[in-house]
Amino acid sequence: MNTAGPSCRVLVIDDDADIRESTAMVIRLLGHDVAVAADGAAGMDEGRIFLPDLVLLDVGLPGVDGHDVARAMRTEEWGQRALLAAVTGWARESDRLAAEAAGFDVHLPKPVDLGTLRDLIARATAAQMPGKLPLQ
């Protein structure tokens, strides 16, 4: 349950149904709103409707990869203000740099641990509050 403050809107995009649904369940248990998508196109559609504060985006999606999805999100108003987190099994420095170049704010290894998830939600929520600056 969320007792720490306002609710965050989190969009989880991952082609692995187990990861997608378990991450969504944890976010709901933390008291936040969540939407899910299994691929980049569905994630873009969901983002336009849901207007997330935070997007947890798998980089290794089939078809259009997460880097291209992040670039597309950044062209949309909602995507410019959302915190974008690359969630991936790829952890080399070149992978982090590629994520940064694509417009991600954060590069995270799978699976995302609970403490990191809470920190991301707090950062995304703070960034949406008037008069508040996002955490660094």
C-alpha atoms as a PDB file:
ATOM      1  CA  MET A   1       0.000   0.000   0.000  1.00  0.00           C
ATOM      2  CA  ASN A   2       1.155   3.526  -0.806  1.00  0.00           C
ATOM      3  CA  THR A   3       1.360   5.534   2.398  1.00  0.00           C
ATOM      4  CA  ALA A   4       4.219   7.775   1.299  1.00  0.00           C
ATOM      5  CA  GLY A   5       2.352  10.236  -0.897  1.00  0.00           C
ATOM      6  CA  PRO A   6       0.631  10.731  -4.225  1.00  0.00           C
ATOM      7  CA  SER A   7       0.028   7.952  -6.678  1.00  0.00           C
ATOM      8  CA  CYS A   8       2.310   7.440  -9.659  1.00  0.00           C
ATOM      9  CA  ARG A   9       1.154   6.288 -13.100  1.00  0.00           C
ATOM     10  CA  VAL A  10       3.516   3.534 -14.293  1.00  0.00           C
ATOM     11  CA  LEU A  11       3.521   1.949 -17.757  1.00  0.00           C
ATOM     12  CA  VAL A  12       5.256  -1.445 -17.989  1.00  0.00           C
ATOM     13  CA  ILE A  13       6.235  -2.560 -21.500  1.00  0.00           C
ATOM     14  CA  ASP A  14       7.767  -6.035 -21.699  1.00  0.00           C
ATOM     15  CA  ASP A  15       7.218  -8.963 -24.055  1.00  0.00           C
ATOM     16  CA  ASP A  16       7.743 -11.454 -21.197  1.00  0.00           C
ATOM     17  CA  ALA A  17       4.265 -11.917 -19.696  1.00  0.00           C
ATOM     18  CA  ASP A  18       5.610 -13.138 -16.339  1.00  0.00           C
ATOM     19  CA  ILE A  19       7.865 -10.101 -15.890  1.00  0.00           C
ATOM     20  CA  ARG A  20       5.187  -7.713 -17.147  1.00  0.00           C
ATOM     21  CA  GLU A  21       2.455  -9.027 -14.862  1.00  0.00           C
ATOM     22  CA  SER A  22       4.601  -9.553 -11.764  1.00  0.00           C
ATOM     23  CA  THR A  23       6.020  -6.029 -12.060  1.00  0.00           C
ATOM     24  CA  ALA A  24       2.504  -4.635 -12.475  1.00  0.00           C
ATOM     25  CA  MET A  25       1.330  -6.566  -9.417  1.00  0.00           C
ATOM     26  CA  VAL A  26       4.140  -5.137  -7.258  1.00  0.00           C
ATOM     27  CA  ILE A  27       3.379  -1.603  -8.460  1.00  0.00           C
ATOM     28  CA  ARG A  28      -0.311  -2.059  -7.593  1.00  0.00           C
ATOM     29  CA  LEU A  29       0.607  -3.426  -4.165  1.00  0.00           C
ATOM     30  CA  LEU A  30       2.690  -0.294  -3.617  1.00  0.00           C
ATOM     31  CA  GLY A  31      -0.494   1.692  -4.232  1.00  0.00           C
ATOM     32  CA  HIS A  32       0.187   3.068  -7.688  1.00  0.00           C
ATOM     33  CA  ASP A  33      -1.660   2.984 -10.998  1.00  0.00           C
ATOM     34  CA  VAL A  34      -0.266   0.710 -13.674  1.00  0.00           C
ATOM     35  CA  ALA A  35      -0.875  -0.127 -17.303  1.00  0.00           C
ATOM     36  CA  VAL A  36       0.872  -2.838 -19.304  1.00  0.00           C
ATOM     37  CA  ALA A  37       1.783  -3.554 -22.906  1.00  0.00           C
ATOM     38  CA  ALA A  38       3.550  -6.469 -24.590  1.00  0.00           C
ATOM     39  CA  ASP A  39       5.248  -4.552 -27.419  1.00  0.00           C
ATOM     40  CA  GLY A  40       6.290  -1.097 -28.491  1.00  0.00           C
ATOM     41  CA  ALA A  41       3.260  -0.267 -30.635  1.00  0.00           C
ATOM     42  CA  ALA A  42       0.843  -1.250 -27.871  1.00  0.00           C
ATOM     43  CA  GLY A  43       3.016   0.662 -25.392  1.00  0.00           C
ATOM     44  CA  MET A  44       2.811   3.825 -27.483  1.00  0.00           C
ATOM     45  CA  ASP A  45      -0.973   3.467 -27.756  1.00  0.00           C
ATOM     46  CA  GLU A  46      -1.278   2.857 -24.015  1.00  0.00           C
ATOM     47  CA  GLY A  47       0.997   5.805 -23.234  1.00  0.00           C
ATOM     48  CA  ARG A  48      -1.215   8.183 -25.218  1.00  0.00           C
ATOM     49  CA  ILE A  49      -4.241   7.097 -23.179  1.00  0.00           C
ATOM     50  CA  PHE A  50      -2.682   6.426 -19.764  1.00  0.00           C
ATOM     51  CA  LEU A  51      -0.228   9.388 -19.719  1.00  0.00           C
ATOM     52  CA  PRO A  52       2.353   7.711 -17.455  1.00  0.00           C
ATOM     53  CA  ASP A  53       4.720   9.429 -15.061  1.00  0.00           C
ATOM     54  CA  LEU A  54       7.147   6.497 -15.328  1.00  0.00           C
ATOM     55  CA  VAL A  55       7.741   4.005 -18.142  1.00  0.00           C
ATOM     56  CA  LEU A  56       9.561   0.727 -17.477  1.00  0.00           C
ATOM     57  CA  LEU A  57      10.535  -0.264 -21.006  1.00  0.00           C
ATOM     58  CA  ASP A  58      12.196  -3.529 -21.997  1.00  0.00           C
ATOM     59  CA  VAL A  59      14.972  -2.805 -24.478  1.00  0.00           C
ATOM     60  CA  GLY A  60      14.900  -6.243 -26.120  1.00  0.00           C
ATOM     61  CA  LEU A  61      11.394  -6.138 -27.542  1.00  0.00           C
ATOM     62  CA  PRO A  62      10.589  -8.112 -30.693  1.00  0.00           C
ATOM     63  CA  GLY A  63      10.051  -6.067 -33.840  1.00  0.00           C
ATOM     64  CA  VAL A  64      10.678  -2.459 -32.860  1.00  0.00           C
ATOM     65  CA  ASP A  65      13.234  -2.473 -30.039  1.00  0.00           C
ATOM     66  CA  GLY A  66      12.989  -0.405 -26.877  1.00  0.00           C
ATOM     67  CA  HIS A  67      15.487   2.187 -28.104  1.00  0.00           C
ATOM     68  CA  ASP A  68      13.250   3.054 -31.046  1.00  0.00           C
ATOM     69  CA  VAL A  69      10.189   3.078 -28.790  1.00  0.00           C
ATOM     70  CA  ALA A  70      11.948   5.492 -26.394  1.00  0.00           C
ATOM     71  CA  ARG A  71      12.851   7.796 -29.285  1.00  0.00           C
ATOM     72  CA  ALA A  72       9.218   7.765 -30.441  1.00  0.00           C
ATOM     73  CA  MET A  73       7.967   8.453 -26.907  1.00  0.00           C
ATOM     74  CA  ARG A  74      10.222  11.480 -26.601  1.00  0.00           C
ATOM     75  CA  THR A  75       8.483  13.044 -29.631  1.00  0.00           C
ATOM     76  CA  GLU A  76       5.151  13.043 -27.770  1.00  0.00           C
ATOM     77  CA  GLU A  77       4.212  15.540 -25.052  1.00  0.00           C
ATOM     78  CA  TRP A  78       3.480  12.826 -22.491  1.00  0.00           C
ATOM     79  CA  GLY A  79       6.754  11.087 -23.363  1.00  0.00           C
ATOM     80  CA  GLN A  80       8.781  14.244 -22.900  1.00  0.00           C
ATOM     81  CA  ARG A  81       7.679  14.591 -19.291  1.00  0.00           C
ATOM     82  CA  ALA A  82       7.706  10.897 -18.332  1.00  0.00           C
ATOM     83  CA  LEU A  83      10.688   9.288 -16.648  1.00  0.00           C
ATOM     84  CA  LEU A  84      11.877   6.563 -19.050  1.00  0.00           C
ATOM     85  CA  ALA A  85      13.695   3.569 -17.595  1.00  0.00           C
ATOM     86  CA  ALA A  86      15.410   1.042 -19.865  1.00  0.00           C
ATOM     87  CA  VAL A  87      14.919  -2.372 -18.282  1.00  0.00           C
ATOM     88  CA  THR A  88      17.275  -4.911 -19.798  1.00  0.00           C
ATOM     89  CA  GLY A  89      19.557  -7.861 -19.391  1.00  0.00           C
ATOM     90  CA  TRP A  90      22.185  -5.952 -21.368  1.00  0.00           C
ATOM     91  CA  ALA A  91      24.505  -4.306 -18.855  1.00  0.00           C
ATOM     92  CA  ARG A  92      27.675  -3.310 -20.721  1.00  0.00           C
ATOM     93  CA  GLU A  93      28.759   0.325 -20.758  1.00  0.00           C
ATOM     94  CA  SER A  94      27.946   0.483 -24.481  1.00  0.00           C
ATOM     95  CA  ASP A  95      24.383  -0.645 -23.672  1.00  0.00           C
ATOM     96  CA  ARG A  96      24.011   2.127 -21.096  1.00  0.00           C
ATOM     97  CA  LEU A  97      25.320   4.697 -23.571  1.00  0.00           C
ATOM     98  CA  ALA A  98      22.931   3.439 -26.272  1.00  0.00           C
ATOM     99  CA  ALA A  99      20.022   3.766 -23.831  1.00  0.00           C
ATOM    100  CA  GLU A 100      21.078   7.304 -22.938  1.00  0.00           C
ATOM    101  CA  ALA A 101      21.345   8.235 -26.629  1.00  0.00           C
ATOM    102  CA  ALA A 102      17.841   6.865 -27.232  1.00  0.00           C
ATOM    103  CA  GLY A 103      16.392   9.186 -24.587  1.00  0.00           C
ATOM    104  CA  PHE A 104      16.182   6.959 -21.531  1.00  0.00           C
ATOM    105  CA  ASP A 105      16.721   8.619 -18.162  1.00  0.00           C
ATOM    106  CA  VAL A 106      17.792   5.423 -16.385  1.00  0.00           C
ATOM    107  CA  HIS A 107      19.349   2.091 -17.450  1.00  0.00           C
ATOM    108  CA  LEU A 108      18.439  -0.831 -15.164  1.00  0.00           C
ATOM    109  CA  PRO A 109      19.341  -4.512 -15.154  1.00  0.00           C
ATOM    110  CA  LYS A 110      16.579  -7.131 -15.018  1.00  0.00           C
ATOM    111  CA  PRO A 111      15.003  -7.879 -12.680  1.00  0.00           C
ATOM    112  CA  VAL A 112      14.445  -4.452 -11.137  1.00  0.00           C
ATOM    113  CA  ASP A 113      14.738  -4.759  -7.367  1.00  0.00           C
ATOM    114  CA  LEU A 114      12.052  -3.369  -5.073  1.00  0.00           C
ATOM    115  CA  GLY A 115      14.195  -0.575  -3.632  1.00  0.00           C
ATOM    116  CA  THR A 116      15.096   0.702  -7.087  1.00  0.00           C
ATOM    117  CA  LEU A 117      11.468   0.522  -8.176  1.00  0.00           C
ATOM    118  CA  ARG A 118      10.388   2.556  -5.150  1.00  0.00           C
ATOM    119  CA  ASP A 119      13.102   5.134  -5.845  1.00  0.00           C
ATOM    120  CA  LEU A 120      12.018   5.460  -9.486  1.00  0.00           C
ATOM    121  CA  ILE A 121       8.376   5.898  -8.490  1.00  0.00           C
ATOM    122  CA  ALA A 122       9.335   8.580  -5.960  1.00  0.00           C
ATOM    123  CA  ARG A 123      11.474  10.363  -8.539  1.00  0.00           C
ATOM    124  CA  ALA A 124       8.737  10.240 -11.197  1.00  0.00           C
ATOM    125  CA  THR A 125       6.087  11.419  -8.742  1.00  0.00           C
ATOM    126  CA  ALA A 126       8.236  14.322  -7.523  1.00  0.00           C
ATOM    127  CA  ALA A 127       8.894  15.407 -11.108  1.00  0.00           C
ATOM    128  CA  GLN A 128       5.129  15.746 -11.725  1.00  0.00           C
ATOM    129  CA  MET A 129       4.431  17.895  -8.676  1.00  0.00           C
ATOM    130  CA  PRO A 130       4.233  21.652  -9.348  1.00  0.00           C
ATOM    131  CA  GLY A 131       7.168  23.536  -7.900  1.00  0.00           C
ATOM    132  CA  LYS A 132       9.231  20.372  -7.380  1.00  0.00           C
ATOM    133  CA  LEU A 133      12.400  19.524  -9.235  1.00  0.00           C
ATOM    134  CA  PRO A 134      13.085  15.921 -10.243  1.00  0.00           C
ATOM    135  CA  LEU A 135      15.628  14.055  -8.167  1.00  0.00           C
ATOM    136  CA  GLN A 136      19.016  13.553  -9.766  1.00  0.00           C
END
